[in-house]
Amino acid sequence: MVRLFLFILFMTHEYPKPQRMFIREDIKSDLPALEAQFGNNKFIHPKARAATLVALSFYPELKNKHIDFIYRKIKTTMQCILCQIAC
């Protein structure tokens, strides 16, 4: 009975719609502006540059902060390595 209730609750719950859809062509056209605005003082791996700049655009307080994004190959998807500033 509890499972049925949870199932009905889950199926009738309205989830929020995405705030913004990202289309690859739109991001490519906006990339120079994002680069000029949010790319300063940042070291971003080229493979993740577009996604990182779009994500940074949601946090204007990080605009002038120095951030190094470190890209490493790991053996598993859930492997996390914490390191100090000089790792």
C-alpha atoms as a PDB file:
ATOM      1  CA  MET A   1       0.000   0.000   0.000  1.00  0.00           C
ATOM      2  CA  VAL A   2       2.849   2.363   0.833  1.00  0.00           C
ATOM      3  CA  ARG A   3       4.515   1.587  -2.495  1.00  0.00           C
ATOM      4  CA  LEU A   4       1.308   2.378  -4.361  1.00  0.00           C
ATOM      5  CA  PHE A   5       1.010   5.684  -2.518  1.00  0.00           C
ATOM      6  CA  LEU A   6       4.626   6.604  -3.294  1.00  0.00           C
ATOM      7  CA  PHE A   7       4.174   5.624  -6.936  1.00  0.00           C
ATOM      8  CA  ILE A   8       1.059   7.809  -7.279  1.00  0.00           C
ATOM      9  CA  LEU A   9       2.775  10.655  -5.466  1.00  0.00           C
ATOM     10  CA  PHE A  10       5.813  10.349  -7.728  1.00  0.00           C
ATOM     11  CA  MET A  11       3.740  10.205 -10.929  1.00  0.00           C
ATOM     12  CA  THR A  12       1.538  13.184 -10.059  1.00  0.00           C
ATOM     13  CA  HIS A  13       4.305  15.471  -8.844  1.00  0.00           C
ATOM     14  CA  GLU A  14       5.054  18.271 -11.285  1.00  0.00           C
ATOM     15  CA  TYR A  15       8.740  18.817 -11.790  1.00  0.00           C
ATOM     16  CA  PRO A  16      10.091  22.271 -12.637  1.00  0.00           C
ATOM     17  CA  LYS A  17      10.844  22.933 -16.251  1.00  0.00           C
ATOM     18  CA  PRO A  18      14.462  23.652 -17.223  1.00  0.00           C
ATOM     19  CA  GLN A  19      15.314  27.313 -16.913  1.00  0.00           C
ATOM     20  CA  ARG A  20      17.263  27.433 -20.154  1.00  0.00           C
ATOM     21  CA  MET A  21      18.023  25.029 -22.965  1.00  0.00           C
ATOM     22  CA  PHE A  22      21.566  25.040 -24.306  1.00  0.00           C
ATOM     23  CA  ILE A  23      22.006  24.494 -28.015  1.00  0.00           C
ATOM     24  CA  ARG A  24      25.504  23.845 -29.315  1.00  0.00           C
ATOM     25  CA  GLU A  25      25.228  26.428 -32.115  1.00  0.00           C
ATOM     26  CA  ASP A  26      24.107  29.134 -29.683  1.00  0.00           C
ATOM     27  CA  ILE A  27      26.981  28.370 -27.356  1.00  0.00           C
ATOM     28  CA  LYS A  28      29.481  28.505 -30.234  1.00  0.00           C
ATOM     29  CA  SER A  29      28.205  31.931 -31.261  1.00  0.00           C
ATOM     30  CA  ASP A  30      28.288  33.202 -27.646  1.00  0.00           C
ATOM     31  CA  LEU A  31      31.702  31.687 -26.868  1.00  0.00           C
ATOM     32  CA  PRO A  32      33.814  34.776 -27.735  1.00  0.00           C
ATOM     33  CA  ALA A  33      31.668  36.966 -25.461  1.00  0.00           C
ATOM     34  CA  LEU A  34      31.792  34.386 -22.653  1.00  0.00           C
ATOM     35  CA  GLU A  35      35.548  34.052 -23.127  1.00  0.00           C
ATOM     36  CA  ALA A  36      36.051  37.813 -22.841  1.00  0.00           C
ATOM     37  CA  GLN A  37      33.784  38.095 -19.833  1.00  0.00           C
ATOM     38  CA  PHE A  38      34.600  34.953 -17.808  1.00  0.00           C
ATOM     39  CA  GLY A  39      37.836  33.570 -19.272  1.00  0.00           C
ATOM     40  CA  ASN A  40      40.198  35.948 -17.491  1.00  0.00           C
ATOM     41  CA  ASN A  41      42.366  34.450 -14.724  1.00  0.00           C
ATOM     42  CA  LYS A  42      41.135  30.950 -15.556  1.00  0.00           C
ATOM     43  CA  PHE A  43      43.002  27.867 -16.714  1.00  0.00           C
ATOM     44  CA  ILE A  44      40.414  25.670 -18.442  1.00  0.00           C
ATOM     45  CA  HIS A  45      41.119  22.461 -20.337  1.00  0.00           C
ATOM     46  CA  PRO A  46      40.246  22.933 -24.047  1.00  0.00           C
ATOM     47  CA  LYS A  47      37.884  19.934 -24.094  1.00  0.00           C
ATOM     48  CA  ALA A  48      35.705  21.471 -21.385  1.00  0.00           C
ATOM     49  CA  ARG A  49      36.103  25.145 -22.271  1.00  0.00           C
ATOM     50  CA  ALA A  50      32.610  25.847 -23.635  1.00  0.00           C
ATOM     51  CA  ALA A  51      30.765  23.985 -20.868  1.00  0.00           C
ATOM     52  CA  THR A  52      32.908  25.601 -18.172  1.00  0.00           C
ATOM     53  CA  LEU A  53      32.378  29.122 -19.499  1.00  0.00           C
ATOM     54  CA  VAL A  54      28.618  28.585 -19.693  1.00  0.00           C
ATOM     55  CA  ALA A  55      28.608  27.289 -16.114  1.00  0.00           C
ATOM     56  CA  LEU A  56      30.711  30.254 -14.941  1.00  0.00           C
ATOM     57  CA  SER A  57      28.243  32.662 -16.561  1.00  0.00           C
ATOM     58  CA  PHE A  58      25.745  31.691 -13.841  1.00  0.00           C
ATOM     59  CA  TYR A  59      28.180  32.855 -11.148  1.00  0.00           C
ATOM     60  CA  PRO A  60      29.173  36.467 -11.902  1.00  0.00           C
ATOM     61  CA  GLU A  61      30.952  36.734  -8.533  1.00  0.00           C
ATOM     62  CA  LEU A  62      33.630  34.377  -9.952  1.00  0.00           C
ATOM     63  CA  LYS A  63      34.299  36.626 -12.941  1.00  0.00           C
ATOM     64  CA  ASN A  64      37.630  38.030 -11.720  1.00  0.00           C
ATOM     65  CA  LYS A  65      38.699  35.159  -9.440  1.00  0.00           C
ATOM     66  CA  HIS A  66      41.724  33.047 -10.320  1.00  0.00           C
ATOM     67  CA  ILE A  67      40.600  29.440 -10.898  1.00  0.00           C
ATOM     68  CA  ASP A  68      42.585  26.479 -12.232  1.00  0.00           C
ATOM     69  CA  PHE A  69      40.365  23.713 -13.569  1.00  0.00           C
ATOM     70  CA  ILE A  70      42.349  20.471 -13.455  1.00  0.00           C
ATOM     71  CA  TYR A  71      41.525  17.770 -15.969  1.00  0.00           C
ATOM     72  CA  ARG A  72      42.808  14.281 -15.242  1.00  0.00           C
ATOM     73  CA  LYS A  73      42.013  10.871 -16.599  1.00  0.00           C
ATOM     74  CA  ILE A  74      40.657   8.640 -13.857  1.00  0.00           C
ATOM     75  CA  LYS A  75      39.967   4.915 -13.855  1.00  0.00           C
ATOM     76  CA  THR A  76      36.353   5.082 -12.703  1.00  0.00           C
ATOM     77  CA  THR A  77      33.609   7.652 -13.023  1.00  0.00           C
ATOM     78  CA  MET A  78      33.043   7.882  -9.275  1.00  0.00           C
ATOM     79  CA  GLN A  79      36.699   8.272  -8.302  1.00  0.00           C
ATOM     80  CA  CYS A  80      37.346  11.591  -6.608  1.00  0.00           C
ATOM     81  CA  ILE A  81      40.771  12.889  -5.645  1.00  0.00           C
ATOM     82  CA  LEU A  82      40.987  15.719  -3.162  1.00  0.00           C
ATOM     83  CA  CYS A  83      44.182  17.710  -3.244  1.00  0.00           C
ATOM     84  CA  GLN A  84      45.677  20.782  -1.699  1.00  0.00           C
ATOM     85  CA  ILE A  85      46.283  23.947  -3.706  1.00  0.00           C
ATOM     86  CA  ALA A  86      49.714  22.724  -4.892  1.00  0.00           C
ATOM     87  CA  CYS A  87      48.860  19.173  -5.985  1.00  0.00           C
END
